Amino acid sequence: AGRHYVSTVTPESRSMYAMENPTPPESLDDPAPVDLSATTAQDLGRLLLEWRSHPVKQGGKRLWVVIGVFVLFPVGLTLLYGPFYGVLALVILGGSLATYFLPTDYFFYTGGLESVFLGVRRRFTWDQFRSCYPDRHGVLLSPFPQPSRLENFRGIYLRFDGQASKIMAIVSERVGAHTCESEQQTGSLQ
């Protein structure tokens, strides 16, 4: 006798989405990335706020810990496994710690925001963000209404660098105060 196979039918919206986008979304509420590379700063409207974040300039104990890891870990790998692994660790650590050692410029406009890091510009419109999560050092703007594993890749983390109250005032106004974690948490950021 022959084998019987059971086929499953997926809902129409999921199969249509799969035909258009080969990478499956986390859910059907997964917002598609918006390409704003052709937009200019003038397209985003009037400038509201600009600041530079350069965490290494804040110094303190954290700076010495980061420098210690950045130097000692590759040296240790070089002594244990050879120079290839030491250089590889240096490259990986350098890439992951670049935002700590090098400055990032942020610009808030009436129609959106822009970040510039190593000459690379990322532009977002305010309506792309559906939630935000402030902490002591900055705020994560996310395109997802609930926490998602993809928000670190699709959203943007804005470091406060002494501008917490101004940044949160604009974010609350443009993204929506109800979408940020809590007013109590936001008030303690200053």
Protein backbone atom coordinates (compact mmCIF):
# COMPACT_ATOMS: atom_id res chain seq x y z
CA ALA A 1 0.00 0.00 0.00
CA GLY A 2 1.07 3.57 -0.55
CA ARG A 3 1.87 6.11 2.06
CA HIS A 4 -0.61 8.79 2.86
CA TYR A 5 0.61 12.31 3.42
CA VAL A 6 -1.39 14.95 5.13
CA SER A 7 -0.91 18.45 3.82
CA THR A 8 -1.67 21.46 5.87
CA VAL A 9 -3.07 24.64 4.47
CA THR A 10 -1.76 27.85 5.92
CA PRO A 11 -3.91 30.93 6.17
CA GLU A 12 -3.93 33.02 3.00
CA SER A 13 -2.21 36.02 4.57
CA ARG A 14 0.76 33.96 5.75
CA SER A 15 1.28 32.27 2.38
CA MET A 16 0.99 35.57 0.51
CA TYR A 17 3.51 37.11 2.88
CA ALA A 18 5.87 34.17 2.36
CA MET A 19 5.74 34.62 -1.43
CA GLU A 20 6.67 38.30 -1.17
CA ASN A 21 9.24 37.95 1.62
CA PRO A 22 11.47 34.88 1.79
CA THR A 23 12.42 35.59 5.41
CA PRO A 24 9.51 34.64 7.66
CA PRO A 25 8.42 37.29 10.16
CA GLU A 26 8.29 36.73 13.88
CA SER A 27 4.55 37.32 13.55
CA LEU A 28 2.19 38.91 11.07
CA ASP A 29 2.53 42.10 13.11
CA ASP A 30 6.24 42.20 12.23
CA PRO A 31 6.77 45.55 10.55
CA ALA A 32 8.69 45.48 7.31
CA PRO A 33 11.83 47.61 7.34
CA VAL A 34 11.41 50.97 5.65
CA ASP A 35 14.18 52.20 3.37
CA LEU A 36 14.74 55.89 4.01
CA SER A 37 18.17 56.07 2.37
CA ALA A 38 16.89 58.43 -0.35
CA THR A 39 15.46 60.88 2.17
CA THR A 40 17.44 63.88 3.29
CA ALA A 41 17.49 65.69 6.61
CA GLN A 42 15.34 68.41 5.02
CA ASP A 43 12.66 65.80 4.23
CA LEU A 44 12.39 65.05 7.96
CA GLY A 45 11.47 68.65 8.82
CA ARG A 46 12.77 71.22 11.25
CA LEU A 47 15.64 70.32 13.60
CA LEU A 48 14.46 69.92 17.21
CA LEU A 49 17.56 68.62 18.99
CA GLU A 50 21.04 67.39 18.19
CA TRP A 51 23.67 65.84 20.43
CA ARG A 52 26.77 63.68 20.35
CA SER A 53 27.18 60.54 22.40
CA HIS A 54 30.74 59.50 23.18
CA PRO A 55 30.68 57.07 26.15
CA VAL A 56 34.46 56.73 26.43
CA LYS A 57 34.71 60.41 27.44
CA GLN A 58 32.64 59.75 30.55
CA GLY A 59 35.53 57.72 31.93
CA GLY A 60 35.23 56.20 35.40
CA LYS A 61 35.61 52.57 36.42
CA ARG A 62 33.72 51.34 33.37
CA LEU A 63 36.38 52.78 31.05
CA TRP A 64 39.15 50.85 32.82
CA VAL A 65 37.15 47.62 32.74
CA VAL A 66 36.46 47.98 29.01
CA ILE A 67 40.09 48.80 28.22
CA GLY A 68 41.24 45.90 30.39
CA VAL A 69 39.01 43.43 28.57
CA PHE A 70 39.93 44.94 25.20
CA VAL A 71 43.66 44.44 25.89
CA LEU A 72 43.92 41.43 28.20
CA PHE A 73 41.52 39.06 26.43
CA PRO A 74 43.35 39.15 23.05
CA VAL A 75 46.73 38.94 24.82
CA GLY A 76 45.52 35.88 26.75
CA LEU A 77 44.25 34.19 23.59
CA THR A 78 47.54 34.96 21.81
CA LEU A 79 49.54 33.35 24.64
CA LEU A 80 47.25 30.29 24.83
CA TYR A 81 46.35 29.64 21.18
CA GLY A 82 48.56 31.78 18.98
CA PRO A 83 48.50 35.16 17.24
CA PHE A 84 45.63 34.33 14.85
CA TYR A 85 43.15 33.99 17.72
CA GLY A 86 44.50 37.09 19.44
CA VAL A 87 44.01 39.20 16.31
CA LEU A 88 40.59 37.64 15.71
CA ALA A 89 39.52 38.51 19.27
CA LEU A 90 40.84 42.06 18.82
CA VAL A 91 38.81 42.50 15.62
CA ILE A 92 35.62 41.08 17.16
CA LEU A 93 35.96 43.12 20.35
CA GLY A 94 36.83 46.24 18.36
CA GLY A 95 33.71 45.85 16.26
CA SER A 96 31.44 45.23 19.22
CA LEU A 97 32.91 48.08 21.30
CA ALA A 98 33.15 50.62 18.47
CA THR A 99 30.08 52.55 19.62
CA TYR A 100 31.72 52.89 23.04
CA PHE A 101 35.03 54.27 21.73
CA LEU A 102 33.77 56.32 18.77
CA PRO A 103 31.17 59.13 18.81
CA THR A 104 27.63 58.87 17.46
CA ASP A 105 25.68 61.96 16.42
CA TYR A 106 21.91 62.08 16.83
CA PHE A 107 19.43 64.52 15.29
CA PHE A 108 15.74 64.87 16.16
CA TYR A 109 13.53 66.46 13.52
CA THR A 110 9.81 67.17 13.52
CA GLY A 111 9.29 64.27 11.08
CA GLY A 112 11.83 61.76 12.38
CA LEU A 113 15.32 61.15 13.64
CA GLU A 114 18.76 60.46 12.25
CA SER A 115 21.89 58.85 13.69
CA VAL A 116 25.37 59.13 12.20
CA PHE A 117 28.09 56.65 13.16
CA LEU A 118 31.35 56.39 11.18
CA GLY A 119 29.71 58.30 8.32
CA VAL A 120 26.79 55.86 8.10
CA ARG A 121 23.42 57.63 8.36
CA ARG A 122 20.32 55.86 9.63
CA ARG A 123 17.02 57.70 9.25
CA PHE A 124 13.68 56.87 10.81
CA THR A 125 10.29 58.54 10.79
CA TRP A 126 8.48 58.88 14.11
CA ASP A 127 5.54 56.76 12.95
CA GLN A 128 7.86 53.75 12.52
CA PHE A 129 8.14 53.39 16.31
CA ARG A 130 5.39 51.70 18.30
CA SER A 131 7.09 51.35 21.71
CA CYS A 132 10.10 52.55 23.65
CA TYR A 133 12.10 51.25 26.59
CA PRO A 134 14.13 53.78 28.61
CA ASP A 135 16.92 52.81 30.98
CA ARG A 136 19.64 54.75 32.85
CA HIS A 137 21.84 55.34 29.81
CA GLY A 138 19.39 55.73 26.94
CA VAL A 139 16.15 54.67 25.32
CA LEU A 140 15.41 51.91 22.82
CA LEU A 141 12.87 52.92 20.17
CA SER A 142 11.19 49.83 18.75
CA PRO A 143 8.93 49.28 15.73
CA PHE A 144 7.12 46.49 17.62
CA PRO A 145 4.15 47.06 19.94
CA GLN A 146 5.39 44.38 22.40
CA PRO A 147 8.93 43.25 23.27
CA SER A 148 10.51 41.29 20.43
CA ARG A 149 13.85 39.63 19.75
CA LEU A 150 14.13 41.66 16.55
CA GLU A 151 13.83 45.12 18.09
CA ASN A 152 17.59 45.52 18.56
CA PHE A 153 18.00 45.08 14.81
CA ARG A 154 14.97 47.03 13.59
CA GLY A 155 14.91 49.75 16.23
CA ILE A 156 17.49 52.21 17.48
CA TYR A 157 19.08 52.79 20.87
CA LEU A 158 19.64 56.46 21.70
CA ARG A 159 22.26 57.19 24.37
CA PHE A 160 21.29 60.11 26.61
CA ASP A 161 24.75 61.58 27.25
CA GLY A 162 23.37 64.25 29.59
CA GLN A 163 20.25 64.99 27.51
CA ALA A 164 17.79 62.58 29.18
CA SER A 165 14.99 65.04 29.96
CA LYS A 166 15.05 66.69 26.51
CA ILE A 167 15.23 63.36 24.67
CA MET A 168 12.44 61.75 26.68
CA ALA A 169 10.22 64.82 26.27
CA ILE A 170 10.51 64.62 22.48
CA VAL A 171 10.22 60.83 22.36
CA SER A 172 7.14 60.88 24.60
CA GLU A 173 5.54 63.55 22.41
CA ARG A 174 6.41 61.97 19.04
CA VAL A 175 6.21 58.25 19.79
CA GLY A 176 3.62 58.51 22.55
CA ALA A 177 3.98 58.60 26.30
CA HIS A 178 1.75 55.51 26.66
CA THR A 179 4.16 53.41 24.58
CA CYS A 180 7.16 53.98 26.87
CA GLU A 181 7.68 51.62 29.78
CA SER A 182 6.68 53.81 32.69
CA GLU A 183 6.65 57.46 33.64
CA GLN A 184 8.19 56.53 36.98
CA GLN A 185 11.17 54.94 35.23
CA THR A 186 11.48 57.86 32.80
CA GLY A 187 11.52 60.39 35.63
CA SER A 188 14.45 58.65 37.31
CA LEU A 189 16.63 58.96 34.22
CA GLN A 190 17.71 62.54 34.82
